[in-house]
Amino acid sequence: MSLSTTRRAVLGSPSAAALIGQALAALQGAERALRQGQVPRPGDPRHPVNGYSRLTQPYFGRTPGLEAAVMSARDAPAAACTACDSLA
């Protein structure tokens, strides 16, 4: 059995497809949460006396965690493919 035939057999299995699908869904969810978290929520902008708007500390505390979640979720699809390759 050739390597490409083996890969097709492994990728055709429900467990391999499910692993990759779950990893991609997690990545999409993390990216969506980051986009939503980057939008200031009510209470995030603070309006000083001179009229300029500044963001509060909870906004800046929220975004690094969301960015870290996206970075770790970006590695998951590649790891799932590597796991599928190692099954062959």
PDB file of N, CA and C in Angstrom:
ATOM      1  N   MET A   1       0.860  -1.177   0.000  1.00  0.00           N
ATOM      2  CA  MET A   1       0.000   0.000   0.000  1.00  0.00           C
ATOM      3  C   MET A   1       0.902   1.233   0.000  1.00  0.00           C
ATOM      4  N   SER A   2       0.652   2.166  -0.912  1.00  0.00           N
ATOM      5  CA  SER A   2       1.486   3.355  -1.006  1.00  0.00           C
ATOM      6  C   SER A   2       1.140   4.333   0.113  1.00  0.00           C
ATOM      7  N   LEU A   3       2.022   5.309   0.287  1.00  0.00           N
ATOM      8  CA  LEU A   3       1.831   6.297   1.343  1.00  0.00           C
ATOM      9  C   LEU A   3       0.583   7.137   1.085  1.00  0.00           C
ATOM     10  N   SER A   4       0.358   7.534  -0.162  1.00  0.00           N
ATOM     11  CA  SER A   4      -0.815   8.366  -0.444  1.00  0.00           C
ATOM     12  C   SER A   4      -2.117   7.584  -0.243  1.00  0.00           C
ATOM     13  N   THR A   5      -2.104   6.293  -0.562  1.00  0.00           N
ATOM     14  CA  THR A   5      -3.286   5.463  -0.338  1.00  0.00           C
ATOM     15  C   THR A   5      -3.545   5.310   1.153  1.00  0.00           C
ATOM     16  N   THR A   6      -2.472   5.149   1.916  1.00  0.00           N
ATOM     17  CA  THR A   6      -2.619   5.029   3.370  1.00  0.00           C
ATOM     18  C   THR A   6      -3.162   6.313   3.957  1.00  0.00           C
ATOM     19  N   ARG A   7      -2.642   7.441   3.516  1.00  0.00           N
ATOM     20  CA  ARG A   7      -3.140   8.728   4.019  1.00  0.00           C
ATOM     21  C   ARG A   7      -4.612   8.911   3.684  1.00  0.00           C
ATOM     22  N   ARG A   8      -5.000   8.535   2.470  1.00  0.00           N
ATOM     23  CA  ARG A   8      -6.409   8.659   2.115  1.00  0.00           C
ATOM     24  C   ARG A   8      -7.277   7.763   2.990  1.00  0.00           C
ATOM     25  N   ALA A   9      -6.783   6.573   3.309  1.00  0.00           N
ATOM     26  CA  ALA A   9      -7.539   5.655   4.160  1.00  0.00           C
ATOM     27  C   ALA A   9      -7.675   6.217   5.565  1.00  0.00           C
ATOM     28  N   VAL A  10      -6.586   6.810   6.090  1.00  0.00           N
ATOM     29  CA  VAL A  10      -6.629   7.378   7.441  1.00  0.00           C
ATOM     30  C   VAL A  10      -7.500   8.618   7.467  1.00  0.00           C
ATOM     31  N   LEU A  11      -7.320   9.504   6.480  1.00  0.00           N
ATOM     32  CA  LEU A  11      -8.127  10.726   6.459  1.00  0.00           C
ATOM     33  C   LEU A  11      -9.587  10.428   6.176  1.00  0.00           C
ATOM     34  N   GLY A  12      -9.863   9.296   5.538  1.00  0.00           N
ATOM     35  CA  GLY A  12     -11.240   8.923   5.273  1.00  0.00           C
ATOM     36  C   GLY A  12     -11.941   8.362   6.492  1.00  0.00           C
ATOM     37  N   SER A  13     -11.179   8.014   7.511  1.00  0.00           N
ATOM     38  CA  SER A  13     -11.807   7.459   8.712  1.00  0.00           C
ATOM     39  C   SER A  13     -12.511   8.570   9.481  1.00  0.00           C
ATOM     40  N   PRO A  14     -13.616   8.260  10.131  1.00  0.00           N
ATOM     41  CA  PRO A  14     -14.365   9.284  10.853  1.00  0.00           C
ATOM     42  C   PRO A  14     -13.565   9.916  11.991  1.00  0.00           C
ATOM     43  N   SER A  15     -12.705   9.141  12.628  1.00  0.00           N
ATOM     44  CA  SER A  15     -11.974   9.697  13.761  1.00  0.00           C
ATOM     45  C   SER A  15     -10.962  10.743  13.312  1.00  0.00           C
ATOM     46  N   ALA A  16     -10.283  10.533  12.194  1.00  0.00           N
ATOM     47  CA  ALA A  16      -9.319  11.510  11.696  1.00  0.00           C
ATOM     48  C   ALA A  16     -10.036  12.764  11.216  1.00  0.00           C
ATOM     49  N   ALA A  17     -11.112  12.578  10.482  1.00  0.00           N
ATOM     50  CA  ALA A  17     -11.881  13.727  10.005  1.00  0.00           C
ATOM     51  C   ALA A  17     -12.478  14.499  11.176  1.00  0.00           C
ATOM     52  N   ALA A  18     -12.907  13.790  12.190  1.00  0.00           N
ATOM     53  CA  ALA A  18     -13.476  14.451  13.369  1.00  0.00           C
ATOM     54  C   ALA A  18     -12.415  15.257  14.111  1.00  0.00           C
ATOM     55  N   LEU A  19     -11.205  14.711  14.232  1.00  0.00           N
ATOM     56  CA  LEU A  19     -10.119  15.445  14.894  1.00  0.00           C
ATOM     57  C   LEU A  19      -9.810  16.746  14.177  1.00  0.00           C
ATOM     58  N   ILE A  20      -9.687  16.667  12.880  1.00  0.00           N
ATOM     59  CA  ILE A  20      -9.367  17.860  12.101  1.00  0.00           C
ATOM     60  C   ILE A  20     -10.534  18.843  12.127  1.00  0.00           C
ATOM     61  N   GLY A  21     -11.749  18.340  12.014  1.00  0.00           N
ATOM     62  CA  GLY A  21     -12.927  19.202  12.071  1.00  0.00           C
ATOM     63  C   GLY A  21     -13.071  19.912  13.399  1.00  0.00           C
ATOM     64  N   GLN A  22     -12.815  19.187  14.486  1.00  0.00           N
ATOM     65  CA  GLN A  22     -12.888  19.808  15.808  1.00  0.00           C
ATOM     66  C   GLN A  22     -11.818  20.876  15.965  1.00  0.00           C
ATOM     67  N   ALA A  23     -10.617  20.620  15.452  1.00  0.00           N
ATOM     68  CA  ALA A  23      -9.536  21.598  15.553  1.00  0.00           C
ATOM     69  C   ALA A  23      -9.873  22.857  14.761  1.00  0.00           C
ATOM     70  N   LEU A  24     -10.431  22.685  13.573  1.00  0.00           N
ATOM     71  CA  LEU A  24     -10.803  23.846  12.763  1.00  0.00           C
ATOM     72  C   LEU A  24     -11.963  24.619  13.386  1.00  0.00           C
ATOM     73  N   ALA A  25     -12.919  23.906  13.968  1.00  0.00           N
ATOM     74  CA  ALA A  25     -14.036  24.576  14.639  1.00  0.00           C
ATOM     75  C   ALA A  25     -13.554  25.356  15.854  1.00  0.00           C
ATOM     76  N   ALA A  26     -12.606  24.793  16.590  1.00  0.00           N
ATOM     77  CA  ALA A  26     -12.044  25.499  17.743  1.00  0.00           C
ATOM     78  C   ALA A  26     -11.299  26.750  17.302  1.00  0.00           C
ATOM     79  N   LEU A  27     -10.580  26.655  16.195  1.00  0.00           N
ATOM     80  CA  LEU A  27      -9.873  27.817  15.665  1.00  0.00           C
ATOM     81  C   LEU A  27     -10.849  28.911  15.254  1.00  0.00           C
ATOM     82  N   GLN A  28     -11.903  28.543  14.560  1.00  0.00           N
ATOM     83  CA  GLN A  28     -12.903  29.528  14.151  1.00  0.00           C
ATOM     84  C   GLN A  28     -13.576  30.171  15.356  1.00  0.00           C
ATOM     85  N   GLY A  29     -13.851  29.377  16.381  1.00  0.00           N
ATOM     86  CA  GLY A  29     -14.463  29.923  17.596  1.00  0.00           C
ATOM     87  C   GLY A  29     -13.536  30.883  18.320  1.00  0.00           C
ATOM     88  N   ALA A  30     -12.255  30.547  18.377  1.00  0.00           N
ATOM     89  CA  ALA A  30     -11.286  31.420  19.042  1.00  0.00           C
ATOM     90  C   ALA A  30     -11.114  32.727  18.273  1.00  0.00           C
ATOM     91  N   GLU A  31     -11.082  32.647  16.942  1.00  0.00           N
ATOM     92  CA  GLU A  31     -10.970  33.865  16.141  1.00  0.00           C
ATOM     93  C   GLU A  31     -12.205  34.738  16.283  1.00  0.00           C
ATOM     94  N   ARG A  32     -13.377  34.112  16.339  1.00  0.00           N
ATOM     95  CA  ARG A  32     -14.622  34.866  16.524  1.00  0.00           C
ATOM     96  C   ARG A  32     -14.629  35.558  17.888  1.00  0.00           C
ATOM     97  N   ALA A  33     -14.196  34.852  18.926  1.00  0.00           N
ATOM     98  CA  ALA A  33     -14.150  35.441  20.265  1.00  0.00           C
ATOM     99  C   ALA A  33     -13.166  36.601  20.311  1.00  0.00           C
ATOM    100  N   LEU A  34     -12.050  36.481  19.600  1.00  0.00           N
ATOM    101  CA  LEU A  34     -11.074  37.575  19.563  1.00  0.00           C
ATOM    102  C   LEU A  34     -11.667  38.799  18.881  1.00  0.00           C
ATOM    103  N   ARG A  35     -12.330  38.597  17.736  1.00  0.00           N
ATOM    104  CA  ARG A  35     -12.943  39.734  17.047  1.00  0.00           C
ATOM    105  C   ARG A  35     -13.979  40.419  17.933  1.00  0.00           C
ATOM    106  N   GLN A  36     -14.793  39.619  18.630  1.00  0.00           N
ATOM    107  CA  GLN A  36     -15.815  40.197  19.502  1.00  0.00           C
ATOM    108  C   GLN A  36     -15.185  40.860  20.718  1.00  0.00           C
ATOM    109  N   GLY A  37     -14.080  40.295  21.209  1.00  0.00           N
ATOM    110  CA  GLY A  37     -13.415  40.864  22.377  1.00  0.00           C
ATOM    111  C   GLY A  37     -12.656  42.137  22.078  1.00  0.00           C
ATOM    112  N   GLN A  38     -12.284  42.354  20.814  1.00  0.00           N
ATOM    113  CA  GLN A  38     -11.559  43.564  20.451  1.00  0.00           C
ATOM    114  C   GLN A  38     -12.483  44.777  20.344  1.00  0.00           C
ATOM    115  N   VAL A  39     -13.773  44.524  20.208  1.00  0.00           N
ATOM    116  CA  VAL A  39     -14.736  45.623  20.158  1.00  0.00           C
ATOM    117  C   VAL A  39     -14.992  46.089  21.592  1.00  0.00           C
ATOM    118  N   PRO A  40     -14.804  47.375  21.863  1.00  0.00           N
ATOM    119  CA  PRO A  40     -15.051  47.861  23.223  1.00  0.00           C
ATOM    120  C   PRO A  40     -16.491  47.618  23.660  1.00  0.00           C
ATOM    121  N   ARG A  41     -16.639  47.118  24.855  1.00  0.00           N
ATOM    122  CA  ARG A  41     -17.958  46.868  25.437  1.00  0.00           C
ATOM    123  C   ARG A  41     -18.421  48.099  26.192  1.00  0.00           C
ATOM    124  N   PRO A  42     -19.706  48.148  26.517  1.00  0.00           N
ATOM    125  CA  PRO A  42     -20.159  49.272  27.348  1.00  0.00           C
ATOM    126  C   PRO A  42     -19.376  49.282  28.661  1.00  0.00           C
ATOM    127  N   GLY A  43     -18.873  50.420  29.000  1.00  0.00           N
ATOM    128  CA  GLY A  43     -18.069  50.547  30.206  1.00  0.00           C
ATOM    129  C   GLY A  43     -16.578  50.507  29.939  1.00  0.00           C
ATOM    130  N   ASP A  44     -16.171  50.032  28.758  1.00  0.00           N
ATOM    131  CA  ASP A  44     -14.747  50.020  28.419  1.00  0.00           C
ATOM    132  C   ASP A  44     -14.219  51.413  28.090  1.00  0.00           C
ATOM    133  N   PRO A  45     -14.915  52.198  27.267  1.00  0.00           N
ATOM    134  CA  PRO A  45     -14.385  53.535  27.003  1.00  0.00           C
ATOM    135  C   PRO A  45     -14.638  54.466  28.196  1.00  0.00           C
ATOM    136  N   ARG A  46     -13.671  55.275  28.469  1.00  0.00           N
ATOM    137  CA  ARG A  46     -13.798  56.247  29.554  1.00  0.00           C
ATOM    138  C   ARG A  46     -13.610  57.628  28.928  1.00  0.00           C
ATOM    139  N   HIS A  47     -14.447  58.558  29.265  1.00  0.00           N
ATOM    140  CA  HIS A  47     -14.402  59.882  28.660  1.00  0.00           C
ATOM    141  C   HIS A  47     -13.877  60.897  29.667  1.00  0.00           C
ATOM    142  N   PRO A  48     -12.619  61.289  29.540  1.00  0.00           N
ATOM    143  CA  PRO A  48     -12.090  62.320  30.429  1.00  0.00           C
ATOM    144  C   PRO A  48     -12.724  63.683  30.139  1.00  0.00           C
ATOM    145  N   VAL A  49     -12.371  64.640  30.935  1.00  0.00           N
ATOM    146  CA  VAL A  49     -12.968  65.975  30.844  1.00  0.00           C
ATOM    147  C   VAL A  49     -12.669  66.643  29.508  1.00  0.00           C
ATOM    148  N   ASN A  50     -11.481  66.429  28.946  1.00  0.00           N
ATOM    149  CA  ASN A  50     -11.119  67.122  27.716  1.00  0.00           C
ATOM    150  C   ASN A  50     -11.743  66.500  26.460  1.00  0.00           C
ATOM    151  N   GLY A  51     -12.548  65.474  26.583  1.00  0.00           N
ATOM    152  CA  GLY A  51     -13.282  64.932  25.473  1.00  0.00           C
ATOM    153  C   GLY A  51     -12.667  63.738  24.781  1.00  0.00           C
ATOM    154  N   TYR A  52     -11.451  63.405  25.108  1.00  0.00           N
ATOM    155  CA  TYR A  52     -10.825  62.239  24.500  1.00  0.00           C
ATOM    156  C   TYR A  52     -11.306  60.966  25.181  1.00  0.00           C
ATOM    157  N   SER A  53     -11.467  59.923  24.392  1.00  0.00           N
ATOM    158  CA  SER A  53     -11.926  58.645  24.920  1.00  0.00           C
ATOM    159  C   SER A  53     -10.734  57.718  25.095  1.00  0.00           C
ATOM    160  N   ARG A  54     -10.654  57.081  26.250  1.00  0.00           N
ATOM    161  CA  ARG A  54      -9.601  56.102  26.514  1.00  0.00           C
ATOM    162  C   ARG A  54     -10.255  54.805  26.960  1.00  0.00           C
ATOM    163  N   LEU A  55      -9.577  53.703  26.696  1.00  0.00           N
ATOM    164  CA  LEU A  55     -10.110  52.399  27.104  1.00  0.00           C
ATOM    165  C   LEU A  55      -9.636  52.069  28.515  1.00  0.00           C
ATOM    166  N   THR A  56     -10.474  51.353  29.233  1.00  0.00           N
ATOM    167  CA  THR A  56     -10.156  51.007  30.615  1.00  0.00           C
ATOM    168  C   THR A  56      -9.304  49.737  30.688  1.00  0.00           C
ATOM    169  N   GLN A  57      -8.818  49.440  31.860  1.00  0.00           N
ATOM    170  CA  GLN A  57      -7.940  48.296  32.073  1.00  0.00           C
ATOM    171  C   GLN A  57      -8.592  46.941  31.765  1.00  0.00           C
ATOM    172  N   PRO A  58      -9.874  46.722  32.045  1.00  0.00           N
ATOM    173  CA  PRO A  58     -10.472  45.422  31.694  1.00  0.00           C
ATOM    174  C   PRO A  58     -10.382  45.106  30.198  1.00  0.00           C
ATOM    175  N   TYR A  59     -10.455  46.124  29.348  1.00  0.00           N
ATOM    176  CA  TYR A  59     -10.322  45.892  27.905  1.00  0.00           C
ATOM    177  C   TYR A  59      -8.928  45.340  27.597  1.00  0.00           C
ATOM    178  N   PHE A  60      -7.910  45.983  28.133  1.00  0.00           N
ATOM    179  CA  PHE A  60      -6.543  45.561  27.861  1.00  0.00           C
ATOM    180  C   PHE A  60      -6.197  44.254  28.560  1.00  0.00           C
ATOM    181  N   GLY A  61      -6.910  43.902  29.596  1.00  0.00           N
ATOM    182  CA  GLY A  61      -6.717  42.610  30.247  1.00  0.00           C
ATOM    183  C   GLY A  61      -7.396  41.475  29.498  1.00  0.00           C
ATOM    184  N   ARG A  62      -8.419  41.792  28.733  1.00  0.00           N
ATOM    185  CA  ARG A  62      -9.189  40.782  28.018  1.00  0.00           C
ATOM    186  C   ARG A  62      -8.498  40.352  26.719  1.00  0.00           C
ATOM    187  N   THR A  63      -7.944  41.276  25.986  1.00  0.00           N
ATOM    188  CA  THR A  63      -7.437  40.960  24.657  1.00  0.00           C
ATOM    189  C   THR A  63      -6.213  40.041  24.637  1.00  0.00           C
ATOM    190  N   PRO A  64      -5.240  40.143  25.538  1.00  0.00           N
ATOM    191  CA  PRO A  64      -4.102  39.211  25.451  1.00  0.00           C
ATOM    192  C   PRO A  64      -4.494  37.747  25.646  1.00  0.00           C
ATOM    193  N   GLY A  65      -5.451  37.481  26.504  1.00  0.00           N
ATOM    194  CA  GLY A  65      -5.910  36.112  26.710  1.00  0.00           C
ATOM    195  C   GLY A  65      -6.589  35.551  25.467  1.00  0.00           C
ATOM    196  N   LEU A  66      -7.364  36.404  24.797  1.00  0.00           N
ATOM    197  CA  LEU A  66      -8.026  35.968  23.570  1.00  0.00           C
ATOM    198  C   LEU A  66      -7.016  35.738  22.450  1.00  0.00           C
ATOM    199  N   GLU A  67      -5.990  36.591  22.382  1.00  0.00           N
ATOM    200  CA  GLU A  67      -4.949  36.410  21.373  1.00  0.00           C
ATOM    201  C   GLU A  67      -4.168  35.120  21.621  1.00  0.00           C
ATOM    202  N   ALA A  68      -3.899  34.812  22.882  1.00  0.00           N
ATOM    203  CA  ALA A  68      -3.196  33.570  23.220  1.00  0.00           C
ATOM    204  C   ALA A  68      -4.036  32.347  22.855  1.00  0.00           C
ATOM    205  N   ALA A  69      -5.338  32.438  23.046  1.00  0.00           N
ATOM    206  CA  ALA A  69      -6.216  31.324  22.687  1.00  0.00           C
ATOM    207  C   ALA A  69      -6.209  31.086  21.181  1.00  0.00           C
ATOM    208  N   VAL A  70      -6.170  32.160  20.399  1.00  0.00           N
ATOM    209  CA  VAL A  70      -6.113  32.013  18.941  1.00  0.00           C
ATOM    210  C   VAL A  70      -4.779  31.390  18.527  1.00  0.00           C
ATOM    211  N   MET A  71      -3.699  31.830  19.130  1.00  0.00           N
ATOM    212  CA  MET A  71      -2.382  31.290  18.775  1.00  0.00           C
ATOM    213  C   MET A  71      -2.304  29.792  19.075  1.00  0.00           C
ATOM    214  N   SER A  72      -2.827  29.365  20.201  1.00  0.00           N
ATOM    215  CA  SER A  72      -2.788  27.935  20.518  1.00  0.00           C
ATOM    216  C   SER A  72      -3.763  27.151  19.629  1.00  0.00           C
ATOM    217  N   ALA A  73      -4.893  27.775  19.271  1.00  0.00           N
ATOM    218  CA  ALA A  73      -5.851  27.093  18.401  1.00  0.00           C
ATOM    219  C   ALA A  73      -5.323  26.977  16.971  1.00  0.00           C
ATOM    220  N   ARG A  74      -4.433  27.875  16.566  1.00  0.00           N
ATOM    221  CA  ARG A  74      -3.848  27.789  15.222  1.00  0.00           C
ATOM    222  C   ARG A  74      -2.931  26.583  15.085  1.00  0.00           C
ATOM    223  N   ASP A  75      -2.362  26.124  16.173  1.00  0.00           N
ATOM    224  CA  ASP A  75      -1.487  24.956  16.132  1.00  0.00           C
ATOM    225  C   ASP A  75      -2.278  23.649  16.100  1.00  0.00           C
ATOM    226  N   ALA A  76      -3.517  23.666  16.527  1.00  0.00           N
ATOM    227  CA  ALA A  76      -4.307  22.441  16.659  1.00  0.00           C
ATOM    228  C   ALA A  76      -4.589  21.730  15.331  1.00  0.00           C
ATOM    229  N   PRO A  77      -4.961  22.433  14.251  1.00  0.00           N
ATOM    230  CA  PRO A  77      -5.207  21.696  12.994  1.00  0.00           C
ATOM    231  C   PRO A  77      -3.950  20.996  12.475  1.00  0.00           C
ATOM    232  N   ALA A  78      -2.805  21.646  12.577  1.00  0.00           N
ATOM    233  CA  ALA A  78      -1.560  21.019  12.129  1.00  0.00           C
ATOM    234  C   ALA A  78      -1.229  19.810  12.995  1.00  0.00           C
ATOM    235  N   ALA A  79      -1.467  19.935  14.291  1.00  0.00           N
ATOM    236  CA  ALA A  79      -1.224  18.807  15.187  1.00  0.00           C
ATOM    237  C   ALA A  79      -2.168  17.643  14.875  1.00  0.00           C
ATOM    238  N   ALA A  80      -3.406  17.953  14.527  1.00  0.00           N
ATOM    239  CA  ALA A  80      -4.360  16.897  14.178  1.00  0.00           C
ATOM    240  C   ALA A  80      -3.933  16.193  12.892  1.00  0.00           C
ATOM    241  N   CYS A  81      -3.445  16.963  11.921  1.00  0.00           N
ATOM    242  CA  CYS A  81      -2.955  16.339  10.670  1.00  0.00           C
ATOM    243  C   CYS A  81      -1.726  15.478  10.946  1.00  0.00           C
ATOM    244  N   THR A  82      -0.848  15.958  11.804  1.00  0.00           N
ATOM    245  CA  THR A  82       0.339  15.183  12.158  1.00  0.00           C
ATOM    246  C   THR A  82      -0.060  13.892  12.855  1.00  0.00           C
ATOM    247  N   ALA A  83      -1.057  13.977  13.732  1.00  0.00           N
ATOM    248  CA  ALA A  83      -1.542  12.778  14.412  1.00  0.00           C
ATOM    249  C   ALA A  83      -2.136  11.789  13.411  1.00  0.00           C
ATOM    250  N   CYS A  84      -2.845  12.308  12.415  1.00  0.00           N
ATOM    251  CA  CYS A  84      -3.411  11.436  11.376  1.00  0.00           C
ATOM    252  C   CYS A  84      -2.318  10.788  10.550  1.00  0.00           C
ATOM    253  N   ASP A  85      -1.264  11.560  10.258  1.00  0.00           N
ATOM    254  CA  ASP A  85      -0.140  11.000   9.499  1.00  0.00           C
ATOM    255  C   ASP A  85       0.574   9.910  10.285  1.00  0.00           C
ATOM    256  N   SER A  86       0.653  10.101  11.599  1.00  0.00           N
ATOM    257  CA  SER A  86       1.368   9.092  12.408  1.00  0.00           C
ATOM    258  C   SER A  86       0.570   7.791  12.522  1.00  0.00           C
ATOM    259  N   LEU A  87      -0.733   7.835  12.262  1.00  0.00           N
ATOM    260  CA  LEU A  87      -1.540   6.627  12.290  1.00  0.00           C
ATOM    261  C   LEU A  87      -1.256   5.742  11.088  1.00  0.00           C
ATOM    262  N   ALA A  88      -0.769   6.364  10.026  1.00  0.00           N
ATOM    263  CA  ALA A  88      -0.527   5.599   8.784  1.00  0.00           C
ATOM    264  C   ALA A  88       0.720   4.746   8.872  1.00  0.00           C
TER     265      ALA A  88
END
